[in-house]
Amino acid sequence: MITYVFSQRQIYLLALFPTIIVIFKIFLFDKNSPNDLLMFSLLECLLFNLAHNAANVNIFYFGFFIYGAKNVDFKKIIKMFLFINLFGTALSMLLAFTGIIPNYAALRSTYSPVRRYSLGAIYPTNLAARFFSILMAYAALKKFKLSIPEYISFFAVAIWTYVVTDTRLDLILILLLILAIMFYKPISKLLSKISYKGVVLLCFAYIAIILLLGFLYLIMPHNPIINLANNLLSGRLNYEAHAISHYSIKPFGQFIYQPGNGAFYIDSIYFRIPLMYGIPMILIFIALLIALVKTLHVKPVFYLELCLLMFIISGGIDQHFFESCYNFILPALFATIPNKRRLQLGSEFYEN
């Protein structure tokens, strides 16, 4: 809707109002020590500096909502996430169909007759990623227990999303989500036998593979195996190699011009974090990942932990990890979430 309904400045001001409300909650209603408030304020100042350098304020605003979720029923957060996303997506589709905002449409490539539509989103992959997040949030709300009609609906949304957007990677993610739901019991039993440190190591091993593929494509772009990986990842390795070769890691981040829409764009969050936001954001991401895995694994709340792992996997191909309209799992770090004992007693949520 930017430039057609709102200006970028108006969007930032619009995001400022709920942020101010959350700030009042943090400082006036939450039980935080002066040291906690000081540390949080300093962290937000740091995030503002990194966001300003990268010209992307998502991490700054999202920080307030993650910490502001303290003692909030996480079930309410998921419900609000679903409501806003469904309403916003439906509204953007309506505006696109009526011609008020553009409905991006393009061919997959010069040699492909397949048209891809965004239906009001910035790009088809954004629309596909949004439906992936919506389906996952609904599954989390249902604790990964779906009925037959719900499974049919999930498959229908997956097929519809692929037909409209032609994004095979997001289709794979949605199908992977469905498989995780179908086999939730054996997966949760497997997770119960692994320590949270083991899960963290698996996450970092996956991230290392994603980073390694980008470096390998830079070194040996004509290698058939690396080329195959690049094709499977829809050419993402080419852009990542370009980013590595043209930009170095700046201590506090930098602005990188990324036109997108089929041109240069750094999709993977694991390349965006070091190149765009710098060293502090690398450390923040590591700390956030370890803390979240530990919180969700030790309680345990395996269906939410699986959501986190799905976002870690999707981070290899998209940039939405620190965007509040896609990633609903980060506020779980401070929100009120279920634990094993209360789930056994039939009570869904407990007071932290």
Protein backbone atom coordinates (compact mmCIF):
# COMPACT_ATOMS: atom_id res chain seq x y z
CA MET A 1 0.00 0.00 0.00
CA ILE A 2 3.05 2.25 0.31
CA THR A 3 2.99 5.17 -2.20
CA TYR A 4 -0.53 4.18 -3.31
CA VAL A 5 -2.41 4.43 0.01
CA PHE A 6 0.18 5.49 2.63
CA SER A 7 3.63 7.02 2.45
CA GLN A 8 6.57 5.24 4.08
CA ARG A 9 6.69 7.98 6.71
CA GLN A 10 3.01 7.46 7.56
CA ILE A 11 3.63 3.73 7.95
CA TYR A 12 6.44 4.41 10.43
CA LEU A 13 4.22 6.84 12.38
CA LEU A 14 1.38 4.31 12.34
CA ALA A 15 3.72 1.68 13.82
CA LEU A 16 4.79 4.16 16.49
CA PHE A 17 1.37 4.33 18.22
CA PRO A 18 1.12 0.68 19.32
CA THR A 19 4.81 0.78 20.20
CA ILE A 20 4.17 3.66 22.61
CA ILE A 21 1.34 1.66 24.22
CA VAL A 22 3.69 -1.30 24.72
CA ILE A 23 6.32 1.02 26.22
CA PHE A 24 3.77 2.25 28.77
CA LYS A 25 2.98 -1.37 29.65
CA ILE A 26 6.66 -2.24 30.10
CA PHE A 27 7.50 0.74 32.31
CA LEU A 28 4.24 1.19 34.23
CA PHE A 29 2.58 -2.21 34.61
CA ASP A 30 5.24 -4.92 34.28
CA LYS A 31 7.31 -5.82 37.32
CA ASN A 32 10.76 -4.97 36.02
CA SER A 33 13.74 -3.99 38.13
CA PRO A 34 15.54 -0.70 37.33
CA ASN A 35 18.47 -2.74 36.02
CA ASP A 36 16.17 -4.68 33.67
CA LEU A 37 14.65 -1.47 32.33
CA LEU A 38 18.08 0.09 31.88
CA MET A 39 19.40 -2.94 29.99
CA PHE A 40 16.28 -3.06 27.80
CA SER A 41 16.51 0.67 27.03
CA LEU A 42 20.18 0.36 26.08
CA LEU A 43 19.39 -2.65 23.87
CA GLU A 44 16.64 -0.72 22.07
CA CYS A 45 19.04 2.20 21.53
CA LEU A 46 21.48 -0.26 19.98
CA LEU A 47 18.72 -1.78 17.81
CA PHE A 48 17.68 1.69 16.66
CA ASN A 49 21.25 2.44 15.60
CA LEU A 50 21.54 -0.86 13.70
CA ALA A 51 18.11 -0.38 12.11
CA HIS A 52 19.00 3.17 11.08
CA ASN A 53 22.26 2.05 9.46
CA ALA A 54 20.53 -0.78 7.60
CA ALA A 55 17.51 1.43 6.72
CA ASN A 56 15.17 -1.27 8.05
CA VAL A 57 13.35 -0.57 11.32
CA ASN A 58 11.67 -3.96 11.82
CA ILE A 59 14.13 -5.12 14.47
CA PHE A 60 13.71 -1.90 16.47
CA TYR A 61 9.90 -2.04 16.66
CA PHE A 62 9.77 -5.81 17.12
CA GLY A 63 12.07 -5.56 20.16
CA PHE A 64 9.38 -3.69 22.13
CA PHE A 65 6.75 -6.30 21.33
CA ILE A 66 9.00 -9.24 22.22
CA TYR A 67 9.85 -7.84 25.66
CA GLY A 68 6.40 -6.31 26.06
CA ALA A 69 4.84 -9.79 25.79
CA LYS A 70 5.92 -10.47 29.37
CA ASN A 71 3.12 -12.22 31.32
CA VAL A 72 0.76 -12.00 28.34
CA ASP A 73 -1.20 -15.15 27.48
CA PHE A 74 0.60 -16.46 24.38
CA LYS A 75 -2.65 -17.92 23.11
CA LYS A 76 -4.05 -14.38 22.87
CA ILE A 77 -0.95 -13.28 20.94
CA ILE A 78 -1.47 -16.07 18.38
CA LYS A 79 -5.16 -15.21 18.03
CA MET A 80 -4.36 -11.53 17.46
CA PHE A 81 -1.61 -12.48 15.00
CA LEU A 82 -4.08 -14.59 13.02
CA PHE A 83 -6.80 -11.94 13.06
CA ILE A 84 -4.53 -9.11 11.88
CA ASN A 85 -2.85 -11.22 9.19
CA LEU A 86 -6.11 -12.59 7.79
CA PHE A 87 -7.74 -9.16 7.84
CA GLY A 88 -4.69 -7.42 6.35
CA THR A 89 -4.19 -10.06 3.64
CA ALA A 90 -7.87 -9.97 2.67
CA LEU A 91 -7.78 -6.16 2.56
CA SER A 92 -4.66 -6.06 0.38
CA MET A 93 -6.22 -8.61 -1.98
CA LEU A 94 -9.39 -6.50 -2.23
CA LEU A 95 -7.37 -3.35 -2.96
CA ALA A 96 -5.34 -5.24 -5.58
CA PHE A 97 -8.43 -6.66 -7.31
CA THR A 98 -10.08 -3.22 -7.40
CA GLY A 99 -6.94 -1.63 -8.85
CA ILE A 100 -6.23 0.70 -5.93
CA ILE A 101 -2.83 -0.92 -5.39
CA PRO A 102 -0.80 -2.95 -7.92
CA ASN A 103 -1.21 -6.69 -8.26
CA TYR A 104 2.34 -7.70 -9.15
CA ALA A 105 2.31 -10.22 -11.99
CA ALA A 106 5.35 -11.58 -13.79
CA LEU A 107 6.65 -14.64 -15.57
CA ARG A 108 8.85 -17.10 -13.68
CA SER A 109 11.53 -16.55 -16.35
CA THR A 110 11.95 -15.61 -20.00
CA TYR A 111 11.41 -19.24 -20.99
CA SER A 112 8.53 -19.98 -18.62
CA PRO A 113 4.88 -19.21 -19.47
CA VAL A 114 3.87 -19.45 -15.78
CA ARG A 115 2.59 -16.17 -14.33
CA ARG A 116 3.16 -15.35 -10.67
CA TYR A 117 0.82 -13.07 -8.73
CA SER A 118 1.29 -11.28 -5.41
CA LEU A 119 -2.37 -10.18 -4.89
CA GLY A 120 -1.37 -6.96 -3.17
CA ALA A 121 1.81 -8.21 -1.49
CA ILE A 122 5.17 -6.75 -2.52
CA TYR A 123 6.23 -9.95 -4.28
CA PRO A 124 4.72 -13.45 -4.74
CA THR A 125 7.16 -15.00 -2.25
CA ASN A 126 5.92 -12.55 0.42
CA LEU A 127 2.34 -13.73 -0.09
CA ALA A 128 3.41 -17.38 0.08
CA ALA A 129 5.48 -16.78 3.23
CA ARG A 130 2.52 -15.04 4.85
CA PHE A 131 0.23 -18.02 4.25
CA PHE A 132 2.95 -20.30 5.62
CA SER A 133 3.01 -18.20 8.82
CA ILE A 134 -0.80 -18.11 9.04
CA LEU A 135 -1.09 -21.89 8.70
CA MET A 136 1.64 -22.41 11.31
CA ALA A 137 -0.01 -20.01 13.76
CA TYR A 138 -3.32 -21.83 13.36
CA ALA A 139 -1.58 -25.17 13.92
CA ALA A 140 0.07 -23.76 17.06
CA LEU A 141 -3.30 -22.54 18.31
CA LYS A 142 -4.62 -26.09 17.85
CA LYS A 143 -1.46 -27.56 19.49
CA PHE A 144 -0.66 -29.44 16.26
CA LYS A 145 -3.88 -31.46 16.55
CA LEU A 146 -5.93 -31.08 13.36
CA SER A 147 -9.13 -32.72 12.23
CA ILE A 148 -9.58 -34.28 8.77
CA PRO A 149 -11.37 -31.15 7.38
CA GLU A 150 -8.53 -28.99 8.73
CA TYR A 151 -5.93 -31.19 7.01
CA ILE A 152 -7.90 -30.89 3.75
CA SER A 153 -8.00 -27.11 4.20
CA PHE A 154 -4.23 -26.98 4.80
CA PHE A 155 -3.56 -28.95 1.60
CA ALA A 156 -6.03 -26.74 -0.30
CA VAL A 157 -4.26 -23.56 0.87
CA ALA A 158 -0.88 -25.09 -0.04
CA ILE A 159 -2.04 -25.91 -3.58
CA TRP A 160 -3.79 -22.55 -4.04
CA THR A 161 -0.71 -20.66 -2.81
CA TYR A 162 1.55 -22.56 -5.21
CA VAL A 163 -0.79 -22.05 -8.18
CA VAL A 164 -1.04 -18.29 -7.53
CA THR A 165 2.56 -17.53 -6.54
CA ASP A 166 4.54 -20.38 -8.17
CA THR A 167 6.88 -20.50 -5.15
CA ARG A 168 8.00 -24.10 -4.83
CA LEU A 169 10.22 -23.48 -1.79
CA ASP A 170 7.33 -22.09 0.22
CA LEU A 171 5.20 -25.00 -0.97
CA ILE A 172 7.87 -27.35 0.42
CA LEU A 173 7.82 -25.44 3.73
CA ILE A 174 4.03 -25.73 3.99
CA LEU A 175 4.17 -29.46 3.17
CA LEU A 176 6.94 -29.87 5.75
CA LEU A 177 4.70 -28.12 8.30
CA ILE A 178 1.83 -30.50 7.47
CA LEU A 179 4.14 -33.50 7.90
CA ALA A 180 5.32 -32.14 11.26
CA ILE A 181 1.70 -31.88 12.37
CA MET A 182 0.82 -35.38 11.10
CA PHE A 183 3.80 -36.97 12.86
CA TYR A 184 3.81 -34.70 15.90
CA LYS A 185 3.71 -37.52 18.47
CA PRO A 186 6.82 -39.41 17.26
CA ILE A 187 8.63 -36.11 16.63
CA SER A 188 7.86 -34.88 20.16
CA LYS A 189 9.09 -38.20 21.58
CA LEU A 190 12.31 -37.79 19.61
CA LEU A 191 12.73 -34.22 20.87
CA SER A 192 12.19 -35.39 24.45
CA LYS A 193 15.26 -37.62 24.10
CA ILE A 194 17.45 -34.74 22.90
CA SER A 195 18.75 -32.03 25.21
CA TYR A 196 18.06 -28.41 24.33
CA LYS A 197 21.78 -28.03 23.64
CA GLY A 198 21.47 -30.75 21.01
CA VAL A 199 18.59 -28.86 19.34
CA VAL A 200 20.65 -25.65 19.39
CA LEU A 201 23.58 -27.47 17.76
CA LEU A 202 21.26 -28.78 15.02
CA CYS A 203 20.03 -25.24 14.37
CA PHE A 204 23.54 -23.84 14.07
CA ALA A 205 24.60 -26.79 11.89
CA TYR A 206 21.76 -25.93 9.47
CA ILE A 207 22.72 -22.24 9.49
CA ALA A 208 26.37 -23.20 8.83
CA ILE A 209 25.28 -25.25 5.79
CA ILE A 210 23.32 -22.30 4.38
CA LEU A 211 26.30 -19.97 4.84
CA LEU A 212 28.71 -22.56 3.40
CA LEU A 213 26.61 -22.94 0.24
CA GLY A 214 26.81 -19.20 -0.38
CA PHE A 215 30.59 -19.17 0.03
CA LEU A 216 31.01 -22.27 -2.15
CA TYR A 217 29.00 -20.67 -4.95
CA LEU A 218 31.30 -17.64 -4.76
CA ILE A 219 34.40 -19.84 -4.99
CA MET A 220 33.19 -22.40 -7.56
CA PRO A 221 30.12 -21.03 -9.40
CA HIS A 222 30.45 -23.55 -12.22
CA ASN A 223 30.55 -26.64 -10.02
CA PRO A 224 27.60 -28.85 -11.13
CA ILE A 225 26.58 -29.80 -7.59
CA ILE A 226 26.70 -26.19 -6.36
CA ASN A 227 24.81 -25.11 -9.49
CA LEU A 228 22.17 -27.73 -8.77
CA ALA A 229 21.81 -26.37 -5.23
CA ASN A 230 21.49 -22.85 -6.65
CA ASN A 231 18.75 -23.96 -9.05
CA LEU A 232 16.90 -25.77 -6.27
CA LEU A 233 17.08 -22.57 -4.19
CA SER A 234 15.72 -20.49 -7.11
CA GLY A 235 19.02 -18.69 -7.72
CA ARG A 236 19.46 -17.46 -4.16
CA LEU A 237 23.08 -18.59 -3.97
CA ASN A 238 23.91 -16.26 -6.85
CA TYR A 239 22.62 -13.24 -4.92
CA GLU A 240 24.28 -14.37 -1.70
CA ALA A 241 27.63 -14.79 -3.45
CA HIS A 242 27.19 -11.31 -4.97
CA ALA A 243 26.49 -9.87 -1.50
CA ILE A 244 29.57 -11.55 0.00
CA SER A 245 31.84 -10.37 -2.81
CA HIS A 246 30.63 -6.75 -2.81
CA TYR A 247 30.01 -6.09 0.89
CA SER A 248 32.02 -6.81 4.03
CA ILE A 249 30.74 -7.04 7.59
CA LYS A 250 30.58 -3.59 9.17
CA PRO A 251 30.66 -3.47 13.00
CA PHE A 252 27.29 -1.71 13.26
CA GLY A 253 25.71 -2.60 9.94
CA GLN A 254 25.24 -0.81 6.65
CA PHE A 255 22.69 0.04 4.00
CA ILE A 256 22.67 -2.34 1.04
CA TYR A 257 20.63 -1.34 -1.98
CA GLN A 258 18.38 -4.26 -2.92
CA PRO A 259 15.87 -3.51 -5.69
CA GLY A 260 14.21 -6.94 -5.49
CA ASN A 261 11.39 -7.97 -7.86
CA GLY A 262 13.65 -10.41 -9.66
CA ALA A 263 16.78 -8.27 -9.26
CA PHE A 264 19.43 -8.43 -6.54
CA TYR A 265 18.04 -9.18 -3.10
CA ILE A 266 19.49 -10.98 -0.06
CA ASP A 267 16.78 -13.45 0.86
CA SER A 268 18.38 -15.50 3.62
CA ILE A 269 18.27 -13.91 7.06
CA TYR A 270 21.59 -15.62 7.84
CA PHE A 271 23.32 -13.39 5.29
CA ARG A 272 21.24 -10.31 6.06
CA ILE A 273 22.06 -10.32 9.79
CA PRO A 274 25.87 -10.00 9.49
CA LEU A 275 25.95 -7.91 6.30
CA MET A 276 23.12 -5.47 7.07
CA TYR A 277 23.08 -5.28 10.89
CA GLY A 278 26.63 -6.09 11.91
CA ILE A 279 28.27 -7.90 14.81
CA PRO A 280 25.85 -6.91 17.65
CA MET A 281 22.93 -8.41 15.76
CA ILE A 282 24.83 -11.68 15.29
CA LEU A 283 25.27 -11.93 19.07
CA ILE A 284 21.64 -10.94 19.71
CA PHE A 285 20.41 -13.59 17.28
CA ILE A 286 22.56 -16.30 18.90
CA ALA A 287 21.39 -15.35 22.40
CA LEU A 288 17.75 -15.16 21.29
CA LEU A 289 17.89 -18.55 19.58
CA ILE A 290 19.52 -20.30 22.56
CA ALA A 291 17.10 -18.70 25.06
CA LEU A 292 14.02 -19.59 23.00
CA VAL A 293 15.06 -23.19 22.39
CA LYS A 294 15.81 -23.62 26.09
CA THR A 295 12.50 -22.04 27.15
CA LEU A 296 10.38 -24.15 24.80
CA HIS A 297 12.36 -27.37 25.20
CA VAL A 298 12.72 -27.48 28.97
CA LYS A 299 9.06 -26.69 29.79
CA PRO A 300 8.44 -28.55 27.36
CA VAL A 301 6.14 -27.13 24.66
CA PHE A 302 7.23 -29.12 21.64
CA TYR A 303 4.63 -27.80 19.19
CA LEU A 304 5.90 -24.26 19.76
CA GLU A 305 9.48 -25.48 19.55
CA LEU A 306 8.65 -27.04 16.18
CA CYS A 307 7.28 -23.66 15.06
CA LEU A 308 10.60 -22.08 16.02
CA LEU A 309 12.50 -24.78 14.10
CA MET A 310 10.27 -24.16 11.06
CA PHE A 311 11.16 -20.46 11.19
CA ILE A 312 14.85 -21.40 11.47
CA ILE A 313 14.49 -23.56 8.35
CA SER A 314 12.61 -20.85 6.45
CA GLY A 315 15.33 -18.36 7.44
CA GLY A 316 17.59 -20.09 4.94
CA ILE A 317 15.42 -18.88 2.05
CA ASP A 318 13.60 -15.79 3.30
CA GLN A 319 14.14 -12.62 5.31
CA HIS A 320 11.10 -12.62 7.62
CA PHE A 321 12.60 -13.89 10.89
CA PHE A 322 12.59 -10.45 12.56
CA GLU A 323 9.32 -9.26 11.05
CA SER A 324 6.40 -9.30 13.48
CA CYS A 325 3.82 -9.86 10.74
CA TYR A 326 5.45 -13.22 9.90
CA ASN A 327 7.25 -14.54 12.99
CA PHE A 328 4.83 -14.99 15.89
CA ILE A 329 7.10 -17.25 17.97
CA LEU A 330 9.66 -14.70 19.24
CA PRO A 331 7.29 -13.15 21.86
CA ALA A 332 7.06 -16.64 23.43
CA LEU A 333 10.38 -15.88 25.13
CA PHE A 334 8.62 -13.61 27.66
CA ALA A 335 4.94 -14.49 27.21
CA THR A 336 2.94 -16.89 29.36
CA ILE A 337 3.14 -20.30 27.68
CA PRO A 338 1.95 -23.77 28.68
CA ASN A 339 4.10 -26.21 30.60
CA LYS A 340 4.00 -29.99 30.82
CA ARG A 341 2.48 -30.31 34.30
CA ARG A 342 -0.42 -27.93 33.65
CA LEU A 343 -1.12 -29.53 30.25
CA GLN A 344 -1.46 -32.89 31.97
CA LEU A 345 -3.92 -31.36 34.45
CA GLY A 346 -5.93 -29.94 31.57
CA SER A 347 -5.08 -26.26 32.16
CA GLU A 348 -3.65 -24.62 29.07
CA PHE A 349 -1.65 -21.73 30.44
CA TYR A 350 0.08 -20.80 33.65
CA GLU A 351 1.37 -17.61 35.23
CA ASN A 352 5.12 -17.18 34.70
